Amino acid sequence: MRILVLDTIHGGAELAGALRGAGHEADEVDVYRGKAGTSIEEALVRTYDLVTAPVHLDPDHPLLRRHGPAVSHHEMVQRVLEERLPHPFIEITGARGKTTTAHALASLLPGPGILHTSTGTYRYPERELLWKKSITPASLIAAAHEAERIGGWLVAEESLGVTGAGDVAVLTSTEDYPIAAGKKQAIAEKCRLLSRARRIVLPPGIDLPGATAADGMVSFEGQTCRFSGNGISGAFANPLCTLAGYRTPLMLAAATACVLGVDPSPLGRFAALPGRMAARREGDLLILDNANSGTNIATTVEAARYARELSGNGPLTIVIGEEARAVCEGFSAEDVRRTVAAIEPAATVYVGEGHPAATIDAGLAIARSITPAGAIVLAVKTWR
């Protein structure tokens, strides 16, 4: 087939390469910058058997009007993978909580496997870092092939939906926002793609036909998590269960484990991830690291509350902002202002363009110099 692949920035180049490797002809177009591959002008006059585009591309883009409707990158990746699939294969998508859910679930699965997340792609049980890539649908191809090569499982974090190739698909958040030039809603696209999956696990607040509701299997009381489903029942205790940023990911991981026939009890030993409420002590100083790509007002207020709880309500310094536009959805100046006003820290260190601290490390160094005791909260939006 002759296939037109749109958007080289968000995995299109990798997807086009995989399609050529499978024997197809493929033209890739850099629809946002016009710097790579086939030009828009050339693609407009050529003929194609199929066009594939990311779900976030404006449906009124000239190439889609000329060659559409398009198959999504997610669906095209499913076609590329075909029968070369690892098992079990769990796909995870959602606006928040993907990374934590993925790490929690991977910690439960026995034997060899691959964990593919925004923090990196790791081989288990060694937890060896293999590479760091994006979580576009196309980046899943290499992870799936590696998992299949080692005869292991795959837990994969994906942006804006799932391929449907997995054994289970998990939605981590019902949070919604406009995509595709404001002509689509993210949650609608995610649900459309989720509906193609064999089995689906959902968070509270949403329903899909045939899906498993995680809160129908899992409940919390303080630090205790109880689970019952698919013939597996029990409980575990973990202080992270009291944190909003961990409660839903732990619920989803436990429910998905039950669906897979795996005991979730070892989640009692699951520790906070770097950048996601991970706390450490340096003498009289507590440092709580909540700097990640999902940092926002709610997560930062929760981080400050937790830091005060752990430090005995000592003086609190917050390091807040974003690292040089490191992520697509920034931490706006207004959101930063509202966050600081809500927390009322003893001191604030701002990070980002136009501030003395351009990075998390620089901000932390300043915070250490003015905070001999108490707590420092890192709340910088960044990829890590």
Foldseek 3Di string as FASTA:
>chain_A
DEEEEEAVPQQSVLLCVLVVVVPYHYFYANLPPRPDTDGPVVLLPDDGPAYEYAPQAACVDSNCVRHDDHHYLLQSLLVSCPPLFAPQEEEEEEPADLVVLQVLLVVFDDDWAWEADQQAIAIPPVRHGDGHDHQANSVVNVRRNVRSVVRHYYYGYHYLAHSQNHQEYEYQDPDWDAGNVRPDISNVSRLVRRVSHNEYEYEPDDDDPRYHDLVVAWDDDQQKIWGDDLHATDIAGANCCNAPNNVSSLSRSCSVCSVVVTHSHVSNVDAADALCQHWDDDVQEIEGHNAEQSFFLVSLLSSLVVLCVVNVNDAEEEEEFEAACQYPDGHDPVRVVVSCVVNVGPYYAYEPPPGPHRDQVSSVVVVCVVDVHGYYYYRYNHRD
